Amino acid sequence: MAGTVNEVTDSNFQAEVLESDVPVLVDFWAPWCGPCRQVGPVVEEIAKEKGEALKVVKLNTDENQQTAIAYNVLSIPTLLVFKHGAEAKRVIGAYPKRKLESEIEPTLA
């Protein structure tokens, strides 16, 4: 559903992210990570504002280590934008909303 942030897992990452018809922003996070909790509301705002143009999902790295390892996610939060099944942008760390949007906006064009 547009505007919501859904959880993805190792088992549905292929279908939900790599096979998506629209770009996908994946928030790699963990419940114990303070900066992840800071960036969470920013990611949710972006999901609401970008609607149909961008799918936004979260992946808990504690529960889904296979995908995190596959994409070389060494620190969290890490935000990856996937376009046509490939990584198009990587942002590491908790950014303010405007900075994060300026980082991912070019991948949506």
N, C-alpha and C. Protein backbone atom coordinates (compact mmCIF):
# COMPACT_ATOMS: atom_id res chain seq x y z
N MET A 1 0.84 -1.19 0.00
CA MET A 1 0.00 0.00 0.00
C MET A 1 0.88 1.25 0.00
N ALA A 2 0.57 2.19 -0.83
CA ALA A 2 1.36 3.41 -0.93
C ALA A 2 1.29 4.20 0.37
N GLY A 3 2.41 4.76 0.76
CA GLY A 3 2.43 5.61 1.93
C GLY A 3 2.70 4.88 3.23
N THR A 4 2.79 3.57 3.18
CA THR A 4 3.09 2.82 4.40
C THR A 4 4.47 2.19 4.28
N VAL A 5 5.04 1.89 5.43
CA VAL A 5 6.35 1.24 5.46
C VAL A 5 6.14 -0.18 5.96
N ASN A 6 6.38 -1.15 5.09
CA ASN A 6 6.20 -2.54 5.45
C ASN A 6 7.53 -3.19 5.77
N GLU A 7 7.48 -4.25 6.56
CA GLU A 7 8.68 -5.03 6.87
C GLU A 7 8.94 -6.01 5.73
N VAL A 8 10.19 -6.19 5.36
CA VAL A 8 10.57 -7.25 4.44
C VAL A 8 11.52 -8.18 5.17
N THR A 9 11.65 -9.39 4.64
CA THR A 9 12.49 -10.41 5.26
C THR A 9 13.40 -11.02 4.21
N ASP A 10 14.32 -11.88 4.67
CA ASP A 10 15.17 -12.60 3.72
C ASP A 10 14.32 -13.34 2.69
N SER A 11 13.21 -13.91 3.15
CA SER A 11 12.41 -14.77 2.26
C SER A 11 11.59 -13.99 1.24
N ASN A 12 11.18 -12.74 1.53
CA ASN A 12 10.38 -12.02 0.54
C ASN A 12 11.10 -10.82 -0.08
N PHE A 13 12.39 -10.67 0.20
CA PHE A 13 13.17 -9.54 -0.32
C PHE A 13 13.17 -9.52 -1.86
N GLN A 14 13.38 -10.69 -2.45
CA GLN A 14 13.41 -10.79 -3.92
C GLN A 14 12.11 -10.25 -4.53
N ALA A 15 10.98 -10.75 -4.04
CA ALA A 15 9.68 -10.37 -4.61
C ALA A 15 9.32 -8.92 -4.30
N GLU A 16 9.55 -8.49 -3.06
CA GLU A 16 9.12 -7.16 -2.63
C GLU A 16 10.04 -6.03 -3.11
N VAL A 17 11.33 -6.32 -3.21
CA VAL A 17 12.30 -5.26 -3.54
C VAL A 17 12.85 -5.42 -4.94
N LEU A 18 13.49 -6.54 -5.21
CA LEU A 18 14.20 -6.71 -6.49
C LEU A 18 13.26 -6.79 -7.68
N GLU A 19 12.04 -7.31 -7.47
CA GLU A 19 11.09 -7.43 -8.58
C GLU A 19 10.06 -6.31 -8.61
N SER A 20 10.25 -5.28 -7.81
CA SER A 20 9.29 -4.17 -7.77
C SER A 20 9.32 -3.36 -9.06
N ASP A 21 8.14 -2.89 -9.48
CA ASP A 21 8.03 -2.07 -10.68
C ASP A 21 8.47 -0.62 -10.43
N VAL A 22 8.49 -0.21 -9.16
CA VAL A 22 8.89 1.15 -8.80
C VAL A 22 10.16 1.08 -7.95
N PRO A 23 10.92 2.18 -7.86
CA PRO A 23 12.09 2.18 -6.99
C PRO A 23 11.69 1.84 -5.54
N VAL A 24 12.60 1.20 -4.82
CA VAL A 24 12.32 0.80 -3.44
C VAL A 24 13.42 1.33 -2.53
N LEU A 25 13.02 2.03 -1.47
CA LEU A 25 13.94 2.47 -0.43
C LEU A 25 13.88 1.44 0.69
N VAL A 26 15.02 0.82 0.99
CA VAL A 26 15.08 -0.19 2.05
C VAL A 26 15.86 0.38 3.23
N ASP A 27 15.21 0.41 4.38
CA ASP A 27 15.81 0.87 5.63
C ASP A 27 16.32 -0.36 6.38
N PHE A 28 17.63 -0.56 6.40
CA PHE A 28 18.24 -1.65 7.17
C PHE A 28 18.41 -1.13 8.59
N TRP A 29 17.77 -1.78 9.57
CA TRP A 29 17.73 -1.27 10.94
C TRP A 29 17.71 -2.42 11.94
N ALA A 30 17.77 -2.08 13.22
CA ALA A 30 17.59 -3.04 14.31
C ALA A 30 16.96 -2.31 15.49
N PRO A 31 16.17 -3.02 16.30
CA PRO A 31 15.44 -2.38 17.41
C PRO A 31 16.36 -1.70 18.44
N TRP A 32 17.56 -2.21 18.63
CA TRP A 32 18.47 -1.67 19.63
C TRP A 32 19.26 -0.46 19.16
N CYS A 33 19.15 -0.10 17.88
CA CYS A 33 19.96 0.95 17.26
C CYS A 33 19.31 2.32 17.44
N GLY A 34 19.95 3.19 18.24
CA GLY A 34 19.42 4.53 18.49
C GLY A 34 19.26 5.37 17.23
N PRO A 35 20.31 5.49 16.41
CA PRO A 35 20.17 6.26 15.16
C PRO A 35 19.09 5.70 14.24
N CYS A 36 18.87 4.37 14.28
CA CYS A 36 17.80 3.77 13.47
C CYS A 36 16.44 4.29 13.92
N ARG A 37 16.27 4.42 15.23
CA ARG A 37 15.00 4.95 15.76
C ARG A 37 14.83 6.41 15.39
N GLN A 38 15.94 7.15 15.25
CA GLN A 38 15.87 8.55 14.83
C GLN A 38 15.42 8.67 13.38
N VAL A 39 15.95 7.81 12.52
CA VAL A 39 15.67 7.92 11.09
C VAL A 39 14.32 7.28 10.73
N GLY A 40 13.78 6.43 11.59
CA GLY A 40 12.50 5.76 11.32
C GLY A 40 11.37 6.70 10.94
N PRO A 41 11.09 7.73 11.76
CA PRO A 41 10.01 8.67 11.41
C PRO A 41 10.27 9.43 10.11
N VAL A 42 11.53 9.71 9.81
CA VAL A 42 11.89 10.39 8.56
C VAL A 42 11.54 9.49 7.37
N VAL A 43 11.88 8.22 7.49
CA VAL A 43 11.59 7.25 6.44
C VAL A 43 10.07 7.13 6.25
N GLU A 44 9.32 7.13 7.35
CA GLU A 44 7.86 7.05 7.25
C GLU A 44 7.27 8.28 6.56
N GLU A 45 7.81 9.47 6.86
CA GLU A 45 7.35 10.70 6.19
C GLU A 45 7.60 10.62 4.69
N ILE A 46 8.79 10.16 4.32
CA ILE A 46 9.13 10.04 2.89
C ILE A 46 8.17 9.06 2.21
N ALA A 47 7.84 7.97 2.89
CA ALA A 47 6.90 6.99 2.33
C ALA A 47 5.55 7.64 2.05
N LYS A 48 5.08 8.45 2.99
CA LYS A 48 3.77 9.11 2.81
C LYS A 48 3.82 10.12 1.67
N GLU A 49 4.91 10.87 1.58
CA GLU A 49 5.00 11.94 0.59
C GLU A 49 5.28 11.43 -0.82
N LYS A 50 6.04 10.35 -0.95
CA LYS A 50 6.41 9.86 -2.28
C LYS A 50 5.35 8.93 -2.87
N GLY A 51 4.47 8.42 -2.03
CA GLY A 51 3.34 7.63 -2.49
C GLY A 51 3.65 6.57 -3.52
N GLU A 52 3.09 6.74 -4.70
CA GLU A 52 3.20 5.74 -5.77
C GLU A 52 4.58 5.70 -6.43
N ALA A 53 5.36 6.78 -6.30
CA ALA A 53 6.65 6.87 -7.00
C ALA A 53 7.76 6.07 -6.33
N LEU A 54 7.57 5.74 -5.04
CA LEU A 54 8.62 5.08 -4.28
C LEU A 54 7.98 4.14 -3.25
N LYS A 55 8.43 2.90 -3.27
CA LYS A 55 8.02 1.93 -2.26
C LYS A 55 9.05 2.00 -1.14
N VAL A 56 8.59 2.00 0.11
CA VAL A 56 9.50 2.10 1.25
C VAL A 56 9.28 0.90 2.17
N VAL A 57 10.38 0.20 2.49
CA VAL A 57 10.30 -0.98 3.35
C VAL A 57 11.43 -0.94 4.38
N LYS A 58 11.26 -1.72 5.45
CA LYS A 58 12.28 -1.85 6.49
C LYS A 58 12.71 -3.30 6.58
N LEU A 59 14.00 -3.51 6.86
CA LEU A 59 14.51 -4.85 7.04
C LEU A 59 15.28 -4.90 8.37
N ASN A 60 14.80 -5.72 9.30
CA ASN A 60 15.44 -5.88 10.59
C ASN A 60 16.68 -6.76 10.39
N THR A 61 17.87 -6.17 10.57
CA THR A 61 19.11 -6.89 10.28
C THR A 61 19.39 -8.01 11.29
N ASP A 62 18.84 -7.90 12.49
CA ASP A 62 19.01 -8.98 13.48
C ASP A 62 18.29 -10.25 13.04
N GLU A 63 17.12 -10.06 12.44
CA GLU A 63 16.28 -11.21 12.05
C GLU A 63 16.52 -11.65 10.61
N ASN A 64 17.18 -10.82 9.82
CA ASN A 64 17.37 -11.10 8.39
C ASN A 64 18.81 -10.84 7.98
N GLN A 65 19.72 -11.58 8.60
CA GLN A 65 21.15 -11.34 8.37
C GLN A 65 21.60 -11.71 6.97
N GLN A 66 20.94 -12.67 6.36
CA GLN A 66 21.33 -13.13 5.02
C GLN A 66 21.31 -11.97 4.01
N THR A 67 20.23 -11.19 4.02
CA THR A 67 20.11 -10.08 3.08
C THR A 67 21.09 -8.97 3.42
N ALA A 68 21.25 -8.68 4.70
CA ALA A 68 22.19 -7.64 5.13
C ALA A 68 23.61 -8.00 4.69
N ILE A 69 23.98 -9.26 4.84
CA ILE A 69 25.31 -9.72 4.43
C ILE A 69 25.45 -9.65 2.91
N ALA A 70 24.41 -10.06 2.20
CA ALA A 70 24.44 -10.07 0.74
C ALA A 70 24.70 -8.68 0.17
N TYR A 71 24.18 -7.64 0.85
CA TYR A 71 24.35 -6.27 0.37
C TYR A 71 25.42 -5.51 1.14
N ASN A 72 26.27 -6.27 1.89
CA ASN A 72 27.42 -5.68 2.57
C ASN A 72 27.02 -4.53 3.49
N VAL A 73 25.92 -4.72 4.23
CA VAL A 73 25.48 -3.71 5.19
C VAL A 73 26.26 -3.96 6.48
N LEU A 74 27.24 -3.10 6.74
CA LEU A 74 28.14 -3.29 7.87
C LEU A 74 27.78 -2.43 9.07
N SER A 75 27.05 -1.34 8.84
CA SER A 75 26.60 -0.51 9.94
C SER A 75 25.17 -0.06 9.65
N ILE A 76 24.44 0.21 10.72
CA ILE A 76 23.06 0.64 10.56
C ILE A 76 22.84 1.95 11.31
N PRO A 77 21.92 2.79 10.87
CA PRO A 77 21.05 2.54 9.72
C PRO A 77 21.79 2.69 8.39
N THR A 78 21.44 1.82 7.46
CA THR A 78 21.87 1.95 6.06
C THR A 78 20.60 1.96 5.23
N LEU A 79 20.49 2.92 4.35
CA LEU A 79 19.34 3.04 3.46
C LEU A 79 19.82 2.79 2.04
N LEU A 80 19.19 1.82 1.39
CA LEU A 80 19.53 1.52 0.00
C LEU A 80 18.32 1.78 -0.88
N VAL A 81 18.55 2.39 -2.02
CA VAL A 81 17.50 2.53 -3.02
C VAL A 81 17.78 1.52 -4.12
N PHE A 82 16.78 0.70 -4.41
CA PHE A 82 16.88 -0.28 -5.49
C PHE A 82 16.01 0.17 -6.64
N LYS A 83 16.56 0.09 -7.84
CA LYS A 83 15.81 0.45 -9.04
C LYS A 83 16.05 -0.65 -10.07
N HIS A 84 15.00 -1.20 -10.61
CA HIS A 84 15.09 -2.30 -11.58
C HIS A 84 15.93 -3.46 -11.03
N GLY A 85 15.78 -3.74 -9.72
CA GLY A 85 16.45 -4.88 -9.12
C GLY A 85 17.90 -4.69 -8.75
N ALA A 86 18.42 -3.48 -8.93
CA ALA A 86 19.83 -3.22 -8.61
C ALA A 86 19.95 -2.05 -7.64
N GLU A 87 21.01 -2.07 -6.84
CA GLU A 87 21.25 -0.96 -5.92
C GLU A 87 21.58 0.29 -6.71
N ALA A 88 20.82 1.37 -6.46
CA ALA A 88 21.04 2.62 -7.17
C ALA A 88 21.64 3.69 -6.27
N LYS A 89 21.47 3.56 -4.96
CA LYS A 89 21.98 4.56 -4.02
C LYS A 89 22.14 3.93 -2.65
N ARG A 90 23.18 4.35 -1.91
CA ARG A 90 23.44 3.87 -0.55
C ARG A 90 23.68 5.09 0.34
N VAL A 91 22.93 5.16 1.43
CA VAL A 91 23.10 6.23 2.41
C VAL A 91 23.31 5.56 3.76
N ILE A 92 24.45 5.85 4.39
CA ILE A 92 24.77 5.24 5.68
C ILE A 92 24.68 6.29 6.78
N GLY A 93 23.89 6.01 7.80
CA GLY A 93 23.75 6.92 8.93
C GLY A 93 22.39 7.58 8.97
N ALA A 94 22.12 8.26 10.08
CA ALA A 94 20.84 8.94 10.29
C ALA A 94 20.96 10.37 9.76
N TYR A 95 20.27 10.65 8.69
CA TYR A 95 20.29 11.97 8.07
C TYR A 95 19.01 12.72 8.39
N PRO A 96 19.07 14.07 8.46
CA PRO A 96 17.82 14.83 8.53
C PRO A 96 17.04 14.63 7.23
N LYS A 97 15.75 14.86 7.29
CA LYS A 97 14.87 14.56 6.16
C LYS A 97 15.32 15.25 4.86
N ARG A 98 15.60 16.54 4.89
CA ARG A 98 15.96 17.25 3.66
C ARG A 98 17.23 16.67 3.03
N LYS A 99 18.21 16.33 3.85
CA LYS A 99 19.47 15.76 3.34
C LYS A 99 19.21 14.38 2.74
N LEU A 100 18.40 13.58 3.43
CA LEU A 100 18.08 12.26 2.92
C LEU A 100 17.33 12.35 1.59
N GLU A 101 16.36 13.25 1.52
CA GLU A 101 15.62 13.42 0.26
C GLU A 101 16.54 13.86 -0.87
N SER A 102 17.47 14.75 -0.59
CA SER A 102 18.38 15.22 -1.65
C SER A 102 19.29 14.08 -2.12
N GLU A 103 19.57 13.13 -1.23
CA GLU A 103 20.40 11.99 -1.60
C GLU A 103 19.65 11.01 -2.51
N ILE A 104 18.37 10.77 -2.20
CA ILE A 104 17.63 9.74 -2.95
C ILE A 104 16.87 10.27 -4.15
N GLU A 105 16.59 11.55 -4.16
CA GLU A 105 15.78 12.16 -5.24
C GLU A 105 16.30 11.84 -6.65
N PRO A 106 17.61 11.94 -6.91
CA PRO A 106 18.10 11.65 -8.26
C PRO A 106 17.78 10.23 -8.74
N THR A 107 17.66 9.29 -7.84
CA THR A 107 17.38 7.91 -8.25
C THR A 107 15.92 7.72 -8.66
N LEU A 108 15.08 8.69 -8.34
CA LEU A 108 13.65 8.57 -8.67
C LEU A 108 13.33 9.15 -10.03
N ALA A 109 14.28 9.87 -10.61
CA ALA A 109 14.03 10.51 -11.91
C ALA A 109 13.99 9.50 -13.04
